[in-house]
Amino acid sequence: IGWGWKEPNTHIYIELLDKYFQNLKYIHLIRHGIDMAYSSNQSQVYNWGMMFGIKADDPSTPLPKLSLKYWNKANRRAIDFGHKLLGERFLVVNFDKLCMNPWCEIERLIDFLGIDPKHINIHELVKLPKSPDSAGRYKKYDLSIFERDEIEAVRELGFTVDM
């Protein structure tokens, strides 16, 4: 029997988790970076931005730009450490893909966790993921505040960015 938690800041101490839990399996769930940059919840960039040299209270830079910079750096770090430290015990899940194609993504999760599919009612599980109303919120904004490489980094992590 396993256990788990949902805590977006877990990636900050992934090295310690690996050190103390040798059989740890880590699922890194990522939401669309530009959508998150325009979220009203910016606690992560305020709490952890300094870890990446980002001052969330910098009045010379729009907060969404700082937030995306944080999102890119934090997720890249988490993915790099996850692959390096955990290898096959690390899985990245794209939240948009989970909501758009839950069957495929839930099968990946079941396989990753080593759960016998006979013990899972996948028909019920695929009903759970739902795209939030905030999905695609970035389309309401002018994306010219972002550098091309910042937007490309979002695409490289598997997200569509319509300009």
N, C-alpha and C. Protein backbone atom coordinates (compact mmCIF):
# COMPACT_ATOMS: atom_id res chain seq x y z
N ILE A 1 0.85 -1.18 0.00
CA ILE A 1 0.00 0.00 0.00
C ILE A 1 0.89 1.23 0.00
N GLY A 2 0.54 2.18 -0.80
CA GLY A 2 1.29 3.43 -0.87
C GLY A 2 0.49 4.59 -0.31
N TRP A 3 1.11 5.70 -0.31
CA TRP A 3 0.44 6.93 0.11
C TRP A 3 1.02 8.08 -0.68
N GLY A 4 0.36 9.20 -0.67
CA GLY A 4 0.84 10.33 -1.43
C GLY A 4 0.21 11.62 -0.95
N TRP A 5 0.59 12.69 -1.57
CA TRP A 5 0.05 13.99 -1.24
C TRP A 5 0.13 14.89 -2.46
N LYS A 6 -0.67 15.93 -2.45
CA LYS A 6 -0.61 16.95 -3.49
C LYS A 6 -0.12 18.22 -2.82
N GLU A 7 1.07 18.59 -3.16
CA GLU A 7 1.67 19.81 -2.61
C GLU A 7 2.57 20.40 -3.67
N PRO A 8 2.13 21.50 -4.29
CA PRO A 8 2.90 22.08 -5.39
C PRO A 8 4.35 22.42 -5.07
N ASN A 9 4.65 22.67 -3.81
CA ASN A 9 6.02 23.06 -3.45
C ASN A 9 6.94 21.87 -3.18
N THR A 10 6.46 20.66 -3.31
CA THR A 10 7.28 19.47 -3.04
C THR A 10 8.56 19.46 -3.87
N HIS A 11 8.50 20.01 -5.06
CA HIS A 11 9.68 19.99 -5.93
C HIS A 11 10.87 20.73 -5.30
N ILE A 12 10.61 21.61 -4.37
CA ILE A 12 11.67 22.37 -3.72
C ILE A 12 12.61 21.44 -2.95
N TYR A 13 12.06 20.38 -2.36
CA TYR A 13 12.88 19.48 -1.55
C TYR A 13 12.90 18.05 -2.09
N ILE A 14 12.87 17.93 -3.41
CA ILE A 14 12.90 16.62 -4.05
C ILE A 14 14.16 15.83 -3.68
N GLU A 15 15.28 16.53 -3.50
CA GLU A 15 16.53 15.85 -3.13
C GLU A 15 16.41 15.19 -1.76
N LEU A 16 15.79 15.87 -0.82
CA LEU A 16 15.61 15.28 0.52
C LEU A 16 14.65 14.10 0.48
N LEU A 17 13.60 14.21 -0.31
CA LEU A 17 12.67 13.09 -0.44
C LEU A 17 13.39 11.85 -0.96
N ASP A 18 14.21 12.06 -1.96
CA ASP A 18 14.97 10.93 -2.52
C ASP A 18 15.92 10.35 -1.49
N LYS A 19 16.51 11.19 -0.69
CA LYS A 19 17.47 10.73 0.32
C LYS A 19 16.80 9.87 1.39
N TYR A 20 15.61 10.25 1.80
CA TYR A 20 14.96 9.57 2.92
C TYR A 20 13.94 8.50 2.52
N PHE A 21 13.50 8.52 1.28
CA PHE A 21 12.52 7.53 0.82
C PHE A 21 13.07 6.84 -0.43
N GLN A 22 13.81 5.74 -0.22
CA GLN A 22 14.49 5.08 -1.32
C GLN A 22 13.54 4.52 -2.38
N ASN A 23 12.32 4.21 -2.04
CA ASN A 23 11.36 3.65 -3.00
C ASN A 23 10.35 4.69 -3.48
N LEU A 24 10.64 5.94 -3.24
CA LEU A 24 9.74 7.02 -3.61
C LEU A 24 9.47 7.02 -5.11
N LYS A 25 8.21 7.17 -5.46
CA LYS A 25 7.81 7.44 -6.84
C LYS A 25 7.21 8.82 -6.83
N TYR A 26 7.71 9.66 -7.71
CA TYR A 26 7.34 11.07 -7.71
C TYR A 26 6.60 11.39 -9.01
N ILE A 27 5.41 11.94 -8.87
CA ILE A 27 4.63 12.38 -10.02
C ILE A 27 4.63 13.90 -10.01
N HIS A 28 5.19 14.48 -11.05
CA HIS A 28 5.27 15.93 -11.17
C HIS A 28 4.19 16.39 -12.13
N LEU A 29 3.12 16.94 -11.59
CA LEU A 29 1.98 17.40 -12.39
C LEU A 29 2.20 18.88 -12.73
N ILE A 30 2.11 19.20 -14.00
CA ILE A 30 2.37 20.57 -14.45
C ILE A 30 1.13 21.13 -15.15
N ARG A 31 0.77 22.33 -14.74
CA ARG A 31 -0.28 23.08 -15.45
C ARG A 31 0.38 24.05 -16.42
N HIS A 32 -0.39 24.52 -17.36
CA HIS A 32 0.08 25.42 -18.41
C HIS A 32 0.74 26.66 -17.79
N GLY A 33 1.98 26.90 -18.14
CA GLY A 33 2.77 27.96 -17.53
C GLY A 33 2.22 29.36 -17.72
N ILE A 34 1.70 29.66 -18.90
CA ILE A 34 1.20 31.01 -19.12
C ILE A 34 -0.15 31.19 -18.44
N ASP A 35 -0.97 30.15 -18.42
CA ASP A 35 -2.20 30.21 -17.62
C ASP A 35 -1.86 30.49 -16.16
N MET A 36 -0.83 29.80 -15.66
CA MET A 36 -0.44 29.99 -14.25
C MET A 36 0.14 31.38 -14.02
N ALA A 37 0.81 31.93 -15.03
CA ALA A 37 1.37 33.28 -14.90
C ALA A 37 0.27 34.32 -14.69
N TYR A 38 -0.92 34.03 -15.22
CA TYR A 38 -2.03 34.97 -15.08
C TYR A 38 -3.02 34.55 -13.98
N SER A 39 -2.64 33.59 -13.17
CA SER A 39 -3.48 33.16 -12.05
C SER A 39 -3.47 34.23 -10.96
N SER A 40 -4.53 34.29 -10.20
CA SER A 40 -4.55 35.22 -9.05
C SER A 40 -3.71 34.69 -7.90
N ASN A 41 -3.40 33.39 -7.92
CA ASN A 41 -2.57 32.79 -6.87
C ASN A 41 -1.11 32.80 -7.33
N GLN A 42 -0.35 33.71 -6.78
CA GLN A 42 1.06 33.84 -7.13
C GLN A 42 1.95 33.53 -5.93
N SER A 43 1.45 32.73 -5.01
CA SER A 43 2.20 32.46 -3.78
C SER A 43 3.54 31.76 -4.06
N GLN A 44 3.59 30.90 -5.06
CA GLN A 44 4.85 30.19 -5.30
C GLN A 44 5.97 31.14 -5.71
N VAL A 45 5.68 32.07 -6.61
CA VAL A 45 6.73 33.00 -7.03
C VAL A 45 7.13 33.91 -5.87
N TYR A 46 6.18 34.28 -5.02
CA TYR A 46 6.51 35.10 -3.85
C TYR A 46 7.31 34.31 -2.82
N ASN A 47 6.92 33.06 -2.60
CA ASN A 47 7.59 32.24 -1.58
C ASN A 47 8.94 31.69 -2.02
N TRP A 48 9.06 31.32 -3.29
CA TRP A 48 10.23 30.59 -3.74
C TRP A 48 11.01 31.27 -4.86
N GLY A 49 10.53 32.37 -5.36
CA GLY A 49 11.19 33.04 -6.48
C GLY A 49 12.64 33.39 -6.21
N MET A 50 12.95 33.81 -4.98
CA MET A 50 14.33 34.19 -4.64
C MET A 50 15.30 33.02 -4.84
N MET A 51 14.78 31.81 -4.73
CA MET A 51 15.60 30.62 -4.94
C MET A 51 16.18 30.60 -6.36
N PHE A 52 15.48 31.30 -7.26
CA PHE A 52 15.89 31.35 -8.67
C PHE A 52 16.30 32.77 -9.08
N GLY A 53 16.54 33.62 -8.10
CA GLY A 53 16.94 34.99 -8.40
C GLY A 53 15.81 35.87 -8.90
N ILE A 54 14.58 35.51 -8.56
CA ILE A 54 13.41 36.26 -9.02
C ILE A 54 12.79 36.99 -7.83
N LYS A 55 12.69 38.30 -7.96
CA LYS A 55 12.06 39.12 -6.93
C LYS A 55 10.63 39.41 -7.38
N ALA A 56 9.67 38.77 -6.75
CA ALA A 56 8.27 38.91 -7.17
C ALA A 56 7.73 40.32 -6.96
N ASP A 57 8.37 41.10 -6.12
CA ASP A 57 7.90 42.46 -5.87
C ASP A 57 8.66 43.49 -6.70
N ASP A 58 9.33 43.06 -7.76
CA ASP A 58 10.07 43.95 -8.65
C ASP A 58 9.07 44.80 -9.45
N PRO A 59 8.96 46.10 -9.14
CA PRO A 59 7.97 46.93 -9.82
C PRO A 59 8.29 47.21 -11.29
N SER A 60 9.51 46.93 -11.72
CA SER A 60 9.90 47.20 -13.10
C SER A 60 9.48 46.09 -14.07
N THR A 61 9.00 44.97 -13.54
CA THR A 61 8.63 43.83 -14.38
C THR A 61 7.21 43.38 -14.03
N PRO A 62 6.35 43.20 -15.03
CA PRO A 62 4.98 42.73 -14.74
C PRO A 62 5.01 41.37 -14.02
N LEU A 63 4.14 41.21 -13.04
CA LEU A 63 4.11 39.97 -12.26
C LEU A 63 3.92 38.73 -13.14
N PRO A 64 3.07 38.74 -14.17
CA PRO A 64 2.97 37.53 -15.00
C PRO A 64 4.30 37.13 -15.64
N LYS A 65 5.11 38.10 -16.02
CA LYS A 65 6.42 37.79 -16.60
C LYS A 65 7.33 37.13 -15.55
N LEU A 66 7.32 37.66 -14.33
CA LEU A 66 8.10 37.07 -13.24
C LEU A 66 7.58 35.66 -12.91
N SER A 67 6.27 35.53 -12.92
CA SER A 67 5.66 34.24 -12.61
C SER A 67 6.03 33.18 -13.65
N LEU A 68 6.01 33.54 -14.92
CA LEU A 68 6.38 32.57 -15.96
C LEU A 68 7.86 32.22 -15.86
N LYS A 69 8.67 33.21 -15.55
CA LYS A 69 10.10 32.94 -15.38
C LYS A 69 10.28 31.92 -14.25
N TYR A 70 9.57 32.13 -13.14
CA TYR A 70 9.63 31.18 -12.03
C TYR A 70 9.13 29.80 -12.48
N TRP A 71 7.99 29.75 -13.15
CA TRP A 71 7.39 28.49 -13.60
C TRP A 71 8.40 27.71 -14.45
N ASN A 72 9.03 28.42 -15.39
CA ASN A 72 10.01 27.76 -16.26
C ASN A 72 11.19 27.20 -15.46
N LYS A 73 11.75 28.02 -14.60
CA LYS A 73 12.94 27.60 -13.85
C LYS A 73 12.60 26.50 -12.84
N ALA A 74 11.49 26.65 -12.14
CA ALA A 74 11.12 25.66 -11.12
C ALA A 74 10.80 24.30 -11.76
N ASN A 75 10.06 24.31 -12.85
CA ASN A 75 9.72 23.04 -13.49
C ASN A 75 10.92 22.40 -14.15
N ARG A 76 11.77 23.19 -14.76
CA ARG A 76 12.98 22.63 -15.38
C ARG A 76 13.86 22.00 -14.31
N ARG A 77 14.01 22.68 -13.18
CA ARG A 77 14.82 22.15 -12.08
C ARG A 77 14.20 20.85 -11.55
N ALA A 78 12.90 20.86 -11.33
CA ALA A 78 12.23 19.66 -10.82
C ALA A 78 12.38 18.48 -11.78
N ILE A 79 12.23 18.74 -13.06
CA ILE A 79 12.34 17.67 -14.05
C ILE A 79 13.78 17.17 -14.15
N ASP A 80 14.72 18.09 -14.17
CA ASP A 80 16.13 17.67 -14.23
C ASP A 80 16.51 16.84 -13.00
N PHE A 81 16.17 17.33 -11.81
CA PHE A 81 16.47 16.57 -10.59
C PHE A 81 15.70 15.26 -10.56
N GLY A 82 14.44 15.29 -10.95
CA GLY A 82 13.63 14.07 -10.95
C GLY A 82 14.25 12.98 -11.80
N HIS A 83 14.62 13.33 -13.02
CA HIS A 83 15.24 12.33 -13.90
C HIS A 83 16.59 11.87 -13.37
N LYS A 84 17.38 12.82 -12.88
CA LYS A 84 18.73 12.49 -12.40
C LYS A 84 18.67 11.64 -11.13
N LEU A 85 17.86 12.05 -10.17
CA LEU A 85 17.83 11.37 -8.88
C LEU A 85 16.95 10.13 -8.86
N LEU A 86 15.81 10.21 -9.51
CA LEU A 86 14.81 9.15 -9.40
C LEU A 86 14.72 8.25 -10.62
N GLY A 87 15.15 8.73 -11.76
CA GLY A 87 15.11 7.92 -12.97
C GLY A 87 13.72 7.41 -13.29
N GLU A 88 13.56 6.11 -13.29
CA GLU A 88 12.28 5.47 -13.62
C GLU A 88 11.21 5.68 -12.55
N ARG A 89 11.61 6.23 -11.43
CA ARG A 89 10.65 6.49 -10.34
C ARG A 89 10.09 7.92 -10.42
N PHE A 90 10.29 8.57 -11.55
CA PHE A 90 9.85 9.95 -11.75
C PHE A 90 8.97 10.01 -12.99
N LEU A 91 7.83 10.67 -12.87
CA LEU A 91 6.90 10.79 -14.00
C LEU A 91 6.39 12.23 -14.07
N VAL A 92 6.41 12.79 -15.27
CA VAL A 92 5.84 14.11 -15.50
C VAL A 92 4.47 13.92 -16.13
N VAL A 93 3.47 14.59 -15.57
CA VAL A 93 2.11 14.54 -16.10
C VAL A 93 1.70 15.97 -16.47
N ASN A 94 1.30 16.13 -17.72
CA ASN A 94 0.80 17.39 -18.23
C ASN A 94 -0.68 17.46 -17.90
N PHE A 95 -1.07 18.43 -17.08
CA PHE A 95 -2.45 18.54 -16.63
C PHE A 95 -3.43 18.70 -17.79
N ASP A 96 -3.05 19.48 -18.81
CA ASP A 96 -3.93 19.66 -19.96
C ASP A 96 -4.19 18.33 -20.66
N LYS A 97 -3.14 17.53 -20.82
CA LYS A 97 -3.30 16.22 -21.46
C LYS A 97 -4.14 15.29 -20.59
N LEU A 98 -3.97 15.37 -19.29
CA LEU A 98 -4.77 14.55 -18.38
C LEU A 98 -6.25 14.88 -18.54
N CYS A 99 -6.58 16.15 -18.68
CA CYS A 99 -7.98 16.54 -18.84
C CYS A 99 -8.52 16.24 -20.24
N MET A 100 -7.68 16.39 -21.27
CA MET A 100 -8.12 16.16 -22.65
C MET A 100 -8.20 14.68 -23.00
N ASN A 101 -7.29 13.88 -22.45
CA ASN A 101 -7.23 12.46 -22.78
C ASN A 101 -7.00 11.67 -21.50
N PRO A 102 -7.98 11.68 -20.60
CA PRO A 102 -7.76 11.05 -19.30
C PRO A 102 -7.46 9.55 -19.38
N TRP A 103 -8.03 8.87 -20.32
CA TRP A 103 -7.81 7.42 -20.41
C TRP A 103 -6.32 7.12 -20.57
N CYS A 104 -5.69 7.77 -21.52
CA CYS A 104 -4.27 7.54 -21.81
C CYS A 104 -3.41 7.92 -20.61
N GLU A 105 -3.66 9.08 -20.03
CA GLU A 105 -2.83 9.56 -18.92
C GLU A 105 -3.04 8.71 -17.65
N ILE A 106 -4.25 8.28 -17.42
CA ILE A 106 -4.50 7.44 -16.23
C ILE A 106 -3.87 6.06 -16.42
N GLU A 107 -3.88 5.55 -17.63
CA GLU A 107 -3.17 4.29 -17.89
C GLU A 107 -1.67 4.45 -17.62
N ARG A 108 -1.10 5.60 -18.00
CA ARG A 108 0.31 5.89 -17.70
C ARG A 108 0.54 5.91 -16.19
N LEU A 109 -0.36 6.54 -15.47
CA LEU A 109 -0.23 6.61 -14.01
C LEU A 109 -0.33 5.23 -13.37
N ILE A 110 -1.28 4.43 -13.81
CA ILE A 110 -1.45 3.07 -13.28
C ILE A 110 -0.19 2.25 -13.54
N ASP A 111 0.32 2.34 -14.75
CA ASP A 111 1.54 1.61 -15.10
C ASP A 111 2.73 2.10 -14.26
N PHE A 112 2.89 3.41 -14.15
CA PHE A 112 3.98 3.99 -13.39
C PHE A 112 3.93 3.54 -11.93
N LEU A 113 2.76 3.51 -11.36
CA LEU A 113 2.61 3.14 -9.95
C LEU A 113 2.67 1.62 -9.72
N GLY A 114 2.67 0.86 -10.81
CA GLY A 114 2.76 -0.59 -10.68
C GLY A 114 1.49 -1.21 -10.12
N ILE A 115 0.37 -0.60 -10.41
CA ILE A 115 -0.91 -1.10 -9.92
C ILE A 115 -1.48 -2.08 -10.95
N ASP A 116 -1.97 -3.20 -10.48
CA ASP A 116 -2.60 -4.17 -11.36
C ASP A 116 -3.92 -3.57 -11.88
N PRO A 117 -4.04 -3.37 -13.19
CA PRO A 117 -5.25 -2.75 -13.75
C PRO A 117 -6.54 -3.49 -13.41
N LYS A 118 -6.42 -4.78 -13.06
CA LYS A 118 -7.61 -5.54 -12.68
C LYS A 118 -8.23 -5.02 -11.39
N HIS A 119 -7.42 -4.30 -10.61
CA HIS A 119 -7.90 -3.78 -9.33
C HIS A 119 -8.36 -2.33 -9.42
N ILE A 120 -8.44 -1.82 -10.63
CA ILE A 120 -8.79 -0.41 -10.85
C ILE A 120 -10.02 -0.33 -11.74
N ASN A 121 -10.93 0.55 -11.38
CA ASN A 121 -12.07 0.83 -12.25
C ASN A 121 -11.73 2.07 -13.06
N ILE A 122 -11.04 1.85 -14.17
CA ILE A 122 -10.58 2.96 -14.98
C ILE A 122 -11.75 3.76 -15.55
N HIS A 123 -12.89 3.10 -15.75
CA HIS A 123 -14.07 3.80 -16.27
C HIS A 123 -14.52 4.90 -15.31
N GLU A 124 -14.35 4.68 -14.04
CA GLU A 124 -14.68 5.71 -13.04
C GLU A 124 -13.58 6.76 -12.94
N LEU A 125 -12.33 6.32 -13.00
CA LEU A 125 -11.22 7.26 -12.87
C LEU A 125 -11.19 8.29 -14.00
N VAL A 126 -11.50 7.87 -15.22
CA VAL A 126 -11.43 8.80 -16.34
C VAL A 126 -12.50 9.90 -16.26
N LYS A 127 -13.48 9.73 -15.39
CA LYS A 127 -14.50 10.77 -15.20
C LYS A 127 -14.01 11.90 -14.30
N LEU A 128 -12.92 11.68 -13.57
CA LEU A 128 -12.48 12.64 -12.57
C LEU A 128 -11.78 13.89 -13.12
N PRO A 129 -10.81 13.76 -14.03
CA PRO A 129 -10.12 14.97 -14.49
C PRO A 129 -11.07 15.89 -15.27
N LYS A 130 -11.08 17.15 -14.90
CA LYS A 130 -11.91 18.15 -15.56
C LYS A 130 -11.07 19.40 -15.80
N SER A 131 -11.15 19.94 -16.98
CA SER A 131 -10.46 21.20 -17.26
C SER A 131 -11.13 22.30 -16.46
N PRO A 132 -10.35 23.09 -15.74
CA PRO A 132 -10.94 24.19 -14.99
C PRO A 132 -11.38 25.31 -15.94
N ASP A 133 -12.26 26.16 -15.45
CA ASP A 133 -12.70 27.31 -16.26
C ASP A 133 -11.52 28.21 -16.63
N SER A 134 -10.46 28.15 -15.84
CA SER A 134 -9.30 29.00 -16.10
C SER A 134 -8.40 28.47 -17.22
N ALA A 135 -8.67 27.29 -17.74
CA ALA A 135 -7.85 26.74 -18.82
C ALA A 135 -7.93 27.65 -20.04
N GLY A 136 -6.78 28.04 -20.54
CA GLY A 136 -6.73 28.91 -21.70
C GLY A 136 -6.91 30.39 -21.38
N ARG A 137 -6.87 30.74 -20.10
CA ARG A 137 -7.09 32.15 -19.71
C ARG A 137 -6.04 33.07 -20.34
N TYR A 138 -4.85 32.51 -20.63
CA TYR A 138 -3.78 33.33 -21.20
C TYR A 138 -4.18 33.96 -22.53
N LYS A 139 -5.14 33.35 -23.23
CA LYS A 139 -5.55 33.84 -24.55
C LYS A 139 -6.22 35.21 -24.49
N LYS A 140 -6.60 35.63 -23.30
CA LYS A 140 -7.23 36.94 -23.12
C LYS A 140 -6.19 38.06 -23.00
N TYR A 141 -4.91 37.69 -22.95
CA TYR A 141 -3.87 38.67 -22.66
C TYR A 141 -2.91 38.84 -23.84
N ASP A 142 -2.25 39.97 -23.84
CA ASP A 142 -1.20 40.26 -24.81
C ASP A 142 0.07 39.54 -24.34
N LEU A 143 0.55 38.61 -25.11
CA LEU A 143 1.71 37.82 -24.71
C LEU A 143 3.03 38.47 -25.07
N SER A 144 2.98 39.68 -25.59
CA SER A 144 4.22 40.33 -26.01
C SER A 144 5.11 40.71 -24.82
N ILE A 145 4.61 40.60 -23.59
CA ILE A 145 5.47 40.87 -22.43
C ILE A 145 6.49 39.76 -22.22
N PHE A 146 6.24 38.61 -22.85
CA PHE A 146 7.13 37.46 -22.68
C PHE A 146 8.15 37.40 -23.82
N GLU A 147 9.33 36.93 -23.48
CA GLU A 147 10.36 36.70 -24.50
C GLU A 147 10.00 35.44 -25.28
N ARG A 148 10.49 35.35 -26.49
CA ARG A 148 10.22 34.18 -27.33
C ARG A 148 10.69 32.89 -26.65
N ASP A 149 11.87 32.92 -26.01
CA ASP A 149 12.39 31.72 -25.37
C ASP A 149 11.56 31.31 -24.16
N GLU A 150 10.91 32.27 -23.50
CA GLU A 150 10.04 31.94 -22.36
C GLU A 150 8.80 31.18 -22.84
N ILE A 151 8.24 31.62 -23.94
CA ILE A 151 7.08 30.94 -24.52
C ILE A 151 7.50 29.59 -25.09
N GLU A 152 8.65 29.54 -25.73
CA GLU A 152 9.14 28.28 -26.29
C GLU A 152 9.37 27.24 -25.19
N ALA A 153 9.80 27.68 -24.01
CA ALA A 153 10.01 26.77 -22.89
C ALA A 153 8.70 26.12 -22.46
N VAL A 154 7.61 26.87 -22.54
CA VAL A 154 6.28 26.31 -22.23
C VAL A 154 5.93 25.23 -23.25
N ARG A 155 6.19 25.52 -24.50
CA ARG A 155 5.94 24.53 -25.57
C ARG A 155 6.80 23.29 -25.38
N GLU A 156 8.06 23.50 -25.01
CA GLU A 156 8.98 22.36 -24.82
C GLU A 156 8.51 21.43 -23.70
N LEU A 157 7.76 21.96 -22.77
CA LEU A 157 7.21 21.12 -21.69
C LEU A 157 5.86 20.52 -22.07
N GLY A 158 5.49 20.63 -23.35
CA GLY A 158 4.33 19.91 -23.88
C GLY A 158 3.03 20.68 -23.94
N PHE A 159 3.09 21.99 -23.83
CA PHE A 159 1.87 22.78 -23.83
C PHE A 159 1.74 23.56 -25.14
N THR A 160 0.51 23.72 -25.58
CA THR A 160 0.21 24.51 -26.77
C THR A 160 0.13 25.98 -26.34
N VAL A 161 0.72 26.83 -27.15
CA VAL A 161 0.62 28.27 -26.92
C VAL A 161 0.11 28.89 -28.22
N ASP A 162 -1.13 29.35 -28.20
CA ASP A 162 -1.72 30.03 -29.35
C ASP A 162 -1.40 31.51 -29.23
N MET A 163 -0.88 32.07 -30.29
CA MET A 163 -0.52 33.50 -30.26
C MET A 163 -1.55 34.31 -31.00
